[in-house]
């Protein structure tokens, strides 16, 4: 976010969005585990 990487802004934005998807999926998995338990 501070631009201290070799990523161009478009690629940085894409990576951030992909990581958000990973976070949502992680939450969904935790909900699944909690429901099963």
ModelCIF file with pLDDT and N, C-alpha, C, O atoms, coordinates in Angstrom:
data_MODEL
#
_entry.id   MODEL 
#
_entity.id                         1 
_entity.type                       polymer 
_entity.pdbx_number_of_molecules   1 
#
_entity_poly.entity_id                      1 
_entity_poly.type                           'polypeptide(L)' 
_entity_poly.nstd_linkage                   no 
_entity_poly.nstd_monomer                   no 
_entity_poly.pdbx_seq_one_letter_code       
;(UNK)(UNK)(UNK)(UNK)(UNK)(UNK)(UNK)(UNK)(UNK)(UNK)(UNK)(UNK)(UNK)(UNK)(UNK)(UNK)
(UNK)(UNK)(UNK)(UNK)(UNK)(UNK)(UNK)(UNK)(UNK)(UNK)(UNK)(UNK)(UNK)(UNK)(UNK)(UNK)
(UNK)(UNK)(UNK)(UNK)(UNK)
;
_entity_poly.pdbx_seq_one_letter_code_can   XXXXXXXXXXXXXXXXXXXXXXXXXXXXXXXXXXXXX 
_entity_poly.pdbx_strand_id                 A 
#
loop_
_entity_poly_seq.entity_id 
_entity_poly_seq.num 
_entity_poly_seq.mon_id 
_entity_poly_seq.hetero 
1 1  UNK n 
1 2  UNK n 
1 3  UNK n 
1 4  UNK n 
1 5  UNK n 
1 6  UNK n 
1 7  UNK n 
1 8  UNK n 
1 9  UNK n 
1 10 UNK n 
1 11 UNK n 
1 12 UNK n 
1 13 UNK n 
1 14 UNK n 
1 15 UNK n 
1 16 UNK n 
1 17 UNK n 
1 18 UNK n 
1 19 UNK n 
1 20 UNK n 
1 21 UNK n 
1 22 UNK n 
1 23 UNK n 
1 24 UNK n 
1 25 UNK n 
1 26 UNK n 
1 27 UNK n 
1 28 UNK n 
1 29 UNK n 
1 30 UNK n 
1 31 UNK n 
1 32 UNK n 
1 33 UNK n 
1 34 UNK n 
1 35 UNK n 
1 36 UNK n 
1 37 UNK n 
#
_struct_asym.id          A 
_struct_asym.entity_id   1 
#
loop_
_ma_qa_metric.id 
_ma_qa_metric.mode 
_ma_qa_metric.name 
_ma_qa_metric.software_group_id 
_ma_qa_metric.type 
1 global pLDDT . pLDDT 
2 local  pLDDT . pLDDT 
#
_ma_qa_metric_global.metric_id      1 
_ma_qa_metric_global.metric_value   96.32 
_ma_qa_metric_global.model_id       1 
_ma_qa_metric_global.ordinal_id     1 
#
loop_
_ma_qa_metric_local.label_asym_id 
_ma_qa_metric_local.label_comp_id 
_ma_qa_metric_local.label_seq_id 
_ma_qa_metric_local.metric_id 
_ma_qa_metric_local.metric_value 
_ma_qa_metric_local.model_id 
_ma_qa_metric_local.ordinal_id 
A UNK 1  2 95.00 1 1  
A UNK 2  2 95.00 1 2  
A UNK 3  2 94.00 1 3  
A UNK 4  2 96.00 1 4  
A UNK 5  2 96.00 1 5  
A UNK 6  2 97.00 1 6  
A UNK 7  2 97.00 1 7  
A UNK 8  2 95.00 1 8  
A UNK 9  2 94.00 1 9  
A UNK 10 2 96.00 1 10 
A UNK 11 2 96.00 1 11 
A UNK 12 2 96.00 1 12 
A UNK 13 2 95.00 1 13 
A UNK 14 2 96.00 1 14 
A UNK 15 2 97.00 1 15 
A UNK 16 2 95.00 1 16 
A UNK 17 2 94.00 1 17 
A UNK 18 2 96.00 1 18 
A UNK 19 2 96.00 1 19 
A UNK 20 2 95.00 1 20 
A UNK 21 2 95.00 1 21 
A UNK 22 2 96.00 1 22 
A UNK 23 2 97.00 1 23 
A UNK 24 2 96.00 1 24 
A UNK 25 2 97.00 1 25 
A UNK 26 2 97.00 1 26 
A UNK 27 2 97.00 1 27 
A UNK 28 2 97.00 1 28 
A UNK 29 2 98.00 1 29 
A UNK 30 2 97.00 1 30 
A UNK 31 2 98.00 1 31 
A UNK 32 2 98.00 1 32 
A UNK 33 2 98.00 1 33 
A UNK 34 2 98.00 1 34 
A UNK 35 2 98.00 1 35 
A UNK 36 2 98.00 1 36 
A UNK 37 2 98.00 1 37 
#
loop_
_atom_site.group_PDB 
_atom_site.id 
_atom_site.type_symbol 
_atom_site.label_atom_id 
_atom_site.label_alt_id 
_atom_site.label_comp_id 
_atom_site.label_asym_id 
_atom_site.label_entity_id 
_atom_site.label_seq_id 
_atom_site.pdbx_PDB_ins_code 
_atom_site.Cartn_x 
_atom_site.Cartn_y 
_atom_site.Cartn_z 
_atom_site.occupancy 
_atom_site.B_iso_or_equiv 
_atom_site.pdbx_formal_charge 
_atom_site.auth_seq_id 
_atom_site.auth_comp_id 
_atom_site.auth_asym_id 
_atom_site.auth_atom_id 
_atom_site.pdbx_PDB_model_num 
ATOM 1   N N  . UNK A 1 1  ? 0.819   -1.220  0.000   1.00 95.00 ? 1  UNK A N  1 
ATOM 2   C CA . UNK A 1 1  ? 0.000   0.000   0.000   1.00 95.00 ? 1  UNK A CA 1 
ATOM 3   C C  . UNK A 1 1  ? 0.852   1.270   0.000   1.00 95.00 ? 1  UNK A C  1 
ATOM 4   O O  . UNK A 1 1  ? 0.423   2.308   -0.503  1.00 95.00 ? 1  UNK A O  1 
ATOM 5   N N  . UNK A 1 2  ? 2.053   1.183   0.562   1.00 95.00 ? 2  UNK A N  1 
ATOM 6   C CA . UNK A 1 2  ? 2.954   2.343   0.582   1.00 95.00 ? 2  UNK A CA 1 
ATOM 7   C C  . UNK A 1 2  ? 3.818   2.429   -0.674  1.00 95.00 ? 2  UNK A C  1 
ATOM 8   O O  . UNK A 1 2  ? 4.642   3.334   -0.801  1.00 95.00 ? 2  UNK A O  1 
ATOM 9   N N  . UNK A 1 3  ? 3.630   1.486   -1.603  1.00 94.00 ? 3  UNK A N  1 
ATOM 10  C CA . UNK A 1 3  ? 4.387   1.500   -2.850  1.00 94.00 ? 3  UNK A CA 1 
ATOM 11  C C  . UNK A 1 3  ? 5.845   1.134   -2.688  1.00 94.00 ? 3  UNK A C  1 
ATOM 12  O O  . UNK A 1 3  ? 6.678   1.546   -3.494  1.00 94.00 ? 3  UNK A O  1 
ATOM 13  N N  . UNK A 1 4  ? 6.169   0.366   -1.658  1.00 96.00 ? 4  UNK A N  1 
ATOM 14  C CA . UNK A 1 4  ? 7.558   -0.015  -1.387  1.00 96.00 ? 4  UNK A CA 1 
ATOM 15  C C  . UNK A 1 4  ? 7.875   -1.414  -1.916  1.00 96.00 ? 4  UNK A C  1 
ATOM 16  O O  . UNK A 1 4  ? 8.684   -2.133  -1.330  1.00 96.00 ? 4  UNK A O  1 
ATOM 17  N N  . UNK A 1 5  ? 7.237   -1.795  -3.020  1.00 96.00 ? 5  UNK A N  1 
ATOM 18  C CA . UNK A 1 5  ? 7.468   -3.107  -3.627  1.00 96.00 ? 5  UNK A CA 1 
ATOM 19  C C  . UNK A 1 5  ? 7.736   -2.921  -5.114  1.00 96.00 ? 5  UNK A C  1 
ATOM 20  O O  . UNK A 1 5  ? 7.681   -1.807  -5.633  1.00 96.00 ? 5  UNK A O  1 
ATOM 21  N N  . UNK A 1 6  ? 8.023   -4.012  -5.783  1.00 97.00 ? 6  UNK A N  1 
ATOM 22  C CA . UNK A 1 6  ? 8.251   -3.975  -7.226  1.00 97.00 ? 6  UNK A CA 1 
ATOM 23  C C  . UNK A 1 6  ? 6.947   -4.100  -8.020  1.00 97.00 ? 6  UNK A C  1 
ATOM 24  O O  . UNK A 1 6  ? 6.980   -4.203  -9.246  1.00 97.00 ? 6  UNK A O  1 
ATOM 25  N N  . UNK A 1 7  ? 5.824   -4.092  -7.348  1.00 97.00 ? 7  UNK A N  1 
ATOM 26  C CA . UNK A 1 7  ? 4.532   -4.240  -8.023  1.00 97.00 ? 7  UNK A CA 1 
ATOM 27  C C  . UNK A 1 7  ? 4.086   -2.911  -8.628  1.00 97.00 ? 7  UNK A C  1 
ATOM 28  O O  . UNK A 1 7  ? 4.267   -1.850  -8.031  1.00 97.00 ? 7  UNK A O  1 
ATOM 29  N N  . UNK A 1 8  ? 3.500   -2.989  -9.823  1.00 95.00 ? 8  UNK A N  1 
ATOM 30  C CA . UNK A 1 8  ? 2.890   -1.774  -10.347 1.00 95.00 ? 8  UNK A CA 1 
ATOM 31  C C  . UNK A 1 8  ? 1.514   -1.617  -9.684  1.00 95.00 ? 8  UNK A C  1 
ATOM 32  O O  . UNK A 1 8  ? 0.975   -2.597  -9.168  1.00 95.00 ? 8  UNK A O  1 
ATOM 33  N N  . UNK A 1 9  ? 0.941   -0.422  -9.685  1.00 94.00 ? 9  UNK A N  1 
ATOM 34  C CA . UNK A 1 9  ? -0.315  -0.192  -8.965  1.00 94.00 ? 9  UNK A CA 1 
ATOM 35  C C  . UNK A 1 9  ? -1.458  -1.131  -9.361  1.00 94.00 ? 9  UNK A C  1 
ATOM 36  O O  . UNK A 1 9  ? -2.233  -1.555  -8.503  1.00 94.00 ? 9  UNK A O  1 
ATOM 37  N N  . UNK A 1 10 ? -1.567  -1.457  -10.646 1.00 96.00 ? 10 UNK A N  1 
ATOM 38  C CA . UNK A 1 10 ? -2.642  -2.357  -11.088 1.00 96.00 ? 10 UNK A CA 1 
ATOM 39  C C  . UNK A 1 10 ? -2.457  -3.748  -10.485 1.00 96.00 ? 10 UNK A C  1 
ATOM 40  O O  . UNK A 1 10 ? -3.402  -4.344  -9.969  1.00 96.00 ? 10 UNK A O  1 
ATOM 41  N N  . UNK A 1 11 ? -1.236  -4.251  -10.558 1.00 96.00 ? 11 UNK A N  1 
ATOM 42  C CA . UNK A 1 11 ? -0.949  -5.574  -10.002 1.00 96.00 ? 11 UNK A CA 1 
ATOM 43  C C  . UNK A 1 11 ? -1.150  -5.589  -8.491  1.00 96.00 ? 11 UNK A C  1 
ATOM 44  O O  . UNK A 1 11 ? -1.664  -6.563  -7.941  1.00 96.00 ? 11 UNK A O  1 
ATOM 45  N N  . UNK A 1 12 ? -0.748  -4.515  -7.823  1.00 96.00 ? 12 UNK A N  1 
ATOM 46  C CA . UNK A 1 12 ? -0.939  -4.408  -6.373  1.00 96.00 ? 12 UNK A CA 1 
ATOM 47  C C  . UNK A 1 12 ? -2.422  -4.477  -6.029  1.00 96.00 ? 12 UNK A C  1 
ATOM 48  O O  . UNK A 1 12 ? -2.814  -5.175  -5.094  1.00 96.00 ? 12 UNK A O  1 
ATOM 49  N N  . UNK A 1 13 ? -3.240  -3.755  -6.781  1.00 95.00 ? 13 UNK A N  1 
ATOM 50  C CA . UNK A 1 13 ? -4.690  -3.778  -6.548  1.00 95.00 ? 13 UNK A CA 1 
ATOM 51  C C  . UNK A 1 13 ? -5.278  -5.161  -6.755  1.00 95.00 ? 13 UNK A C  1 
ATOM 52  O O  . UNK A 1 13 ? -6.145  -5.592  -5.996  1.00 95.00 ? 13 UNK A O  1 
ATOM 53  N N  . UNK A 1 14 ? -4.808  -5.856  -7.781  1.00 96.00 ? 14 UNK A N  1 
ATOM 54  C CA . UNK A 1 14 ? -5.298  -7.214  -8.058  1.00 96.00 ? 14 UNK A CA 1 
ATOM 55  C C  . UNK A 1 14 ? -4.925  -8.170  -6.926  1.00 96.00 ? 14 UNK A C  1 
ATOM 56  O O  . UNK A 1 14 ? -5.733  -9.006  -6.521  1.00 96.00 ? 14 UNK A O  1 
ATOM 57  N N  . UNK A 1 15 ? -3.711  -8.044  -6.424  1.00 97.00 ? 15 UNK A N  1 
ATOM 58  C CA . UNK A 1 15 ? -3.271  -8.905  -5.324  1.00 97.00 ? 15 UNK A CA 1 
ATOM 59  C C  . UNK A 1 15 ? -4.099  -8.635  -4.072  1.00 97.00 ? 15 UNK A C  1 
ATOM 60  O O  . UNK A 1 15 ? -4.504  -9.574  -3.385  1.00 97.00 ? 15 UNK A O  1 
ATOM 61  N N  . UNK A 1 16 ? -4.351  -7.378  -3.771  1.00 95.00 ? 16 UNK A N  1 
ATOM 62  C CA . UNK A 1 16 ? -5.159  -7.023  -2.606  1.00 95.00 ? 16 UNK A CA 1 
ATOM 63  C C  . UNK A 1 16 ? -6.558  -7.622  -2.737  1.00 95.00 ? 16 UNK A C  1 
ATOM 64  O O  . UNK A 1 16 ? -7.083  -8.175  -1.771  1.00 95.00 ? 16 UNK A O  1 
ATOM 65  N N  . UNK A 1 17 ? -7.161  -7.520  -3.907  1.00 94.00 ? 17 UNK A N  1 
ATOM 66  C CA . UNK A 1 17 ? -8.500  -8.088  -4.113  1.00 94.00 ? 17 UNK A CA 1 
ATOM 67  C C  . UNK A 1 17 ? -8.496  -9.609  -3.983  1.00 94.00 ? 17 UNK A C  1 
ATOM 68  O O  . UNK A 1 17 ? -9.416  -10.175 -3.394  1.00 94.00 ? 17 UNK A O  1 
ATOM 69  N N  . UNK A 1 18 ? -7.492  -10.271 -4.514  1.00 96.00 ? 18 UNK A N  1 
ATOM 70  C CA . UNK A 1 18 ? -7.396  -11.729 -4.388  1.00 96.00 ? 18 UNK A CA 1 
ATOM 71  C C  . UNK A 1 18 ? -7.225  -12.135 -2.931  1.00 96.00 ? 18 UNK A C  1 
ATOM 72  O O  . UNK A 1 18 ? -7.780  -13.143 -2.492  1.00 96.00 ? 18 UNK A O  1 
ATOM 73  N N  . UNK A 1 19 ? -6.465  -11.360 -2.191  1.00 96.00 ? 19 UNK A N  1 
ATOM 74  C CA . UNK A 1 19 ? -6.273  -11.679 -0.784  1.00 96.00 ? 19 UNK A CA 1 
ATOM 75  C C  . UNK A 1 19 ? -7.570  -11.497 -0.005  1.00 96.00 ? 19 UNK A C  1 
ATOM 76  O O  . UNK A 1 19 ? -7.843  -12.254 0.927   1.00 96.00 ? 19 UNK A O  1 
ATOM 77  N N  . UNK A 1 20 ? -8.366  -10.509 -0.374  1.00 95.00 ? 20 UNK A N  1 
ATOM 78  C CA . UNK A 1 20 ? -9.676  -10.321 0.273   1.00 95.00 ? 20 UNK A CA 1 
ATOM 79  C C  . UNK A 1 20 ? -10.549 -11.559 0.074   1.00 95.00 ? 20 UNK A C  1 
ATOM 80  O O  . UNK A 1 20 ? -11.253 -11.983 0.990   1.00 95.00 ? 20 UNK A O  1 
ATOM 81  N N  . UNK A 1 21 ? -10.500 -12.132 -1.126  1.00 95.00 ? 21 UNK A N  1 
ATOM 82  C CA . UNK A 1 21 ? -11.252 -13.362 -1.399  1.00 95.00 ? 21 UNK A CA 1 
ATOM 83  C C  . UNK A 1 21 ? -10.770 -14.482 -0.476  1.00 95.00 ? 21 UNK A C  1 
ATOM 84  O O  . UNK A 1 21 ? -11.577 -15.242 0.060   1.00 95.00 ? 21 UNK A O  1 
ATOM 85  N N  . UNK A 1 22 ? -9.465  -14.579 -0.295  1.00 96.00 ? 22 UNK A N  1 
ATOM 86  C CA . UNK A 1 22 ? -8.903  -15.586 0.609   1.00 96.00 ? 22 UNK A CA 1 
ATOM 87  C C  . UNK A 1 22 ? -9.397  -15.384 2.031   1.00 96.00 ? 22 UNK A C  1 
ATOM 88  O O  . UNK A 1 22 ? -9.715  -16.355 2.718   1.00 96.00 ? 22 UNK A O  1 
ATOM 89  N N  . UNK A 1 23 ? -9.467  -14.136 2.481   1.00 97.00 ? 23 UNK A N  1 
ATOM 90  C CA . UNK A 1 23 ? -9.962  -13.846 3.832   1.00 97.00 ? 23 UNK A CA 1 
ATOM 91  C C  . UNK A 1 23 ? -11.423 -14.250 3.993   1.00 97.00 ? 23 UNK A C  1 
ATOM 92  O O  . UNK A 1 23 ? -11.805 -14.823 5.014   1.00 97.00 ? 23 UNK A O  1 
ATOM 93  N N  . UNK A 1 24 ? -12.234 -13.953 2.990   1.00 96.00 ? 24 UNK A N  1 
ATOM 94  C CA . UNK A 1 24 ? -13.650 -14.328 3.038   1.00 96.00 ? 24 UNK A CA 1 
ATOM 95  C C  . UNK A 1 24 ? -13.780 -15.847 3.074   1.00 96.00 ? 24 UNK A C  1 
ATOM 96  O O  . UNK A 1 24 ? -14.583 -16.378 3.841   1.00 96.00 ? 24 UNK A O  1 
ATOM 97  N N  . UNK A 1 25 ? -13.009 -16.545 2.263   1.00 97.00 ? 25 UNK A N  1 
ATOM 98  C CA . UNK A 1 25 ? -13.060 -18.011 2.254   1.00 97.00 ? 25 UNK A CA 1 
ATOM 99  C C  . UNK A 1 25 ? -12.608 -18.586 3.589   1.00 97.00 ? 25 UNK A C  1 
ATOM 100 O O  . UNK A 1 25 ? -13.175 -19.571 4.062   1.00 97.00 ? 25 UNK A O  1 
ATOM 101 N N  . UNK A 1 26 ? -11.594 -17.983 4.200   1.00 97.00 ? 26 UNK A N  1 
ATOM 102 C CA . UNK A 1 26 ? -11.137 -18.437 5.512   1.00 97.00 ? 26 UNK A CA 1 
ATOM 103 C C  . UNK A 1 26 ? -12.250 -18.281 6.540   1.00 97.00 ? 26 UNK A C  1 
ATOM 104 O O  . UNK A 1 26 ? -12.465 -19.169 7.365   1.00 97.00 ? 26 UNK A O  1 
ATOM 105 N N  . UNK A 1 27 ? -12.949 -17.170 6.494   1.00 97.00 ? 27 UNK A N  1 
ATOM 106 C CA . UNK A 1 27 ? -14.075 -16.955 7.398   1.00 97.00 ? 27 UNK A CA 1 
ATOM 107 C C  . UNK A 1 27 ? -15.174 -17.989 7.155   1.00 97.00 ? 27 UNK A C  1 
ATOM 108 O O  . UNK A 1 27 ? -15.762 -18.516 8.099   1.00 97.00 ? 27 UNK A O  1 
ATOM 109 N N  . UNK A 1 28 ? -15.444 -18.272 5.883   1.00 97.00 ? 28 UNK A N  1 
ATOM 110 C CA . UNK A 1 28 ? -16.461 -19.274 5.548   1.00 97.00 ? 28 UNK A CA 1 
ATOM 111 C C  . UNK A 1 28 ? -16.075 -20.657 6.092   1.00 97.00 ? 28 UNK A C  1 
ATOM 112 O O  . UNK A 1 28 ? -16.928 -21.399 6.580   1.00 97.00 ? 28 UNK A O  1 
ATOM 113 N N  . UNK A 1 29 ? -14.806 -20.988 6.004   1.00 98.00 ? 29 UNK A N  1 
ATOM 114 C CA . UNK A 1 29 ? -14.330 -22.279 6.524   1.00 98.00 ? 29 UNK A CA 1 
ATOM 115 C C  . UNK A 1 29 ? -14.484 -22.325 8.041   1.00 98.00 ? 29 UNK A C  1 
ATOM 116 O O  . UNK A 1 29 ? -14.911 -23.340 8.591   1.00 98.00 ? 29 UNK A O  1 
ATOM 117 N N  . UNK A 1 30 ? -14.140 -21.235 8.716   1.00 97.00 ? 30 UNK A N  1 
ATOM 118 C CA . UNK A 1 30 ? -14.302 -21.196 10.175  1.00 97.00 ? 30 UNK A CA 1 
ATOM 119 C C  . UNK A 1 30 ? -15.768 -21.334 10.568  1.00 97.00 ? 30 UNK A C  1 
ATOM 120 O O  . UNK A 1 30 ? -16.092 -21.999 11.552  1.00 97.00 ? 30 UNK A O  1 
ATOM 121 N N  . UNK A 1 31 ? -16.654 -20.703 9.796   1.00 98.00 ? 31 UNK A N  1 
ATOM 122 C CA . UNK A 1 31 ? -18.086 -20.835 10.072  1.00 98.00 ? 31 UNK A CA 1 
ATOM 123 C C  . UNK A 1 31 ? -18.520 -22.283 9.889   1.00 98.00 ? 31 UNK A C  1 
ATOM 124 O O  . UNK A 1 31 ? -19.276 -22.807 10.708  1.00 98.00 ? 31 UNK A O  1 
ATOM 125 N N  . UNK A 1 32 ? -18.056 -22.935 8.832   1.00 98.00 ? 32 UNK A N  1 
ATOM 126 C CA . UNK A 1 32 ? -18.376 -24.336 8.579   1.00 98.00 ? 32 UNK A CA 1 
ATOM 127 C C  . UNK A 1 32 ? -17.918 -25.209 9.749   1.00 98.00 ? 32 UNK A C  1 
ATOM 128 O O  . UNK A 1 32 ? -18.674 -26.049 10.238  1.00 98.00 ? 32 UNK A O  1 
ATOM 129 N N  . UNK A 1 33 ? -16.682 -25.006 10.190  1.00 98.00 ? 33 UNK A N  1 
ATOM 130 C CA . UNK A 1 33 ? -16.151 -25.788 11.313  1.00 98.00 ? 33 UNK A CA 1 
ATOM 131 C C  . UNK A 1 33 ? -16.970 -25.548 12.571  1.00 98.00 ? 33 UNK A C  1 
ATOM 132 O O  . UNK A 1 33 ? -17.320 -26.493 13.278  1.00 98.00 ? 33 UNK A O  1 
ATOM 133 N N  . UNK A 1 34 ? -17.277 -24.285 12.851  1.00 98.00 ? 34 UNK A N  1 
ATOM 134 C CA . UNK A 1 34 ? -18.070 -23.950 14.038  1.00 98.00 ? 34 UNK A CA 1 
ATOM 135 C C  . UNK A 1 34 ? -19.446 -24.609 13.963  1.00 98.00 ? 34 UNK A C  1 
ATOM 136 O O  . UNK A 1 34 ? -19.924 -25.166 14.951  1.00 98.00 ? 34 UNK A O  1 
ATOM 137 N N  . UNK A 1 35 ? -20.082 -24.544 12.791  1.00 98.00 ? 35 UNK A N  1 
ATOM 138 C CA . UNK A 1 35 ? -21.396 -25.170 12.628  1.00 98.00 ? 35 UNK A CA 1 
ATOM 139 C C  . UNK A 1 35 ? -21.322 -26.677 12.871  1.00 98.00 ? 35 UNK A C  1 
ATOM 140 O O  . UNK A 1 35 ? -22.164 -27.240 13.570  1.00 98.00 ? 35 UNK A O  1 
ATOM 141 N N  . UNK A 1 36 ? -20.309 -27.327 12.290  1.00 98.00 ? 36 UNK A N  1 
ATOM 142 C CA . UNK A 1 36 ? -20.154 -28.774 12.473  1.00 98.00 ? 36 UNK A CA 1 
ATOM 143 C C  . UNK A 1 36 ? -19.912 -29.130 13.934  1.00 98.00 ? 36 UNK A C  1 
ATOM 144 O O  . UNK A 1 36 ? -20.333 -30.189 14.399  1.00 98.00 ? 36 UNK A O  1 
ATOM 145 N N  . UNK A 1 37 ? -19.231 -28.242 14.656  1.00 98.00 ? 37 UNK A N  1 
ATOM 146 C CA . UNK A 1 37 ? -18.902 -28.489 16.059  1.00 98.00 ? 37 UNK A CA 1 
ATOM 147 C C  . UNK A 1 37 ? -20.001 -28.029 17.013  1.00 98.00 ? 37 UNK A C  1 
ATOM 148 O O  . UNK A 1 37 ? -19.864 -28.172 18.227  1.00 98.00 ? 37 UNK A O  1 
#
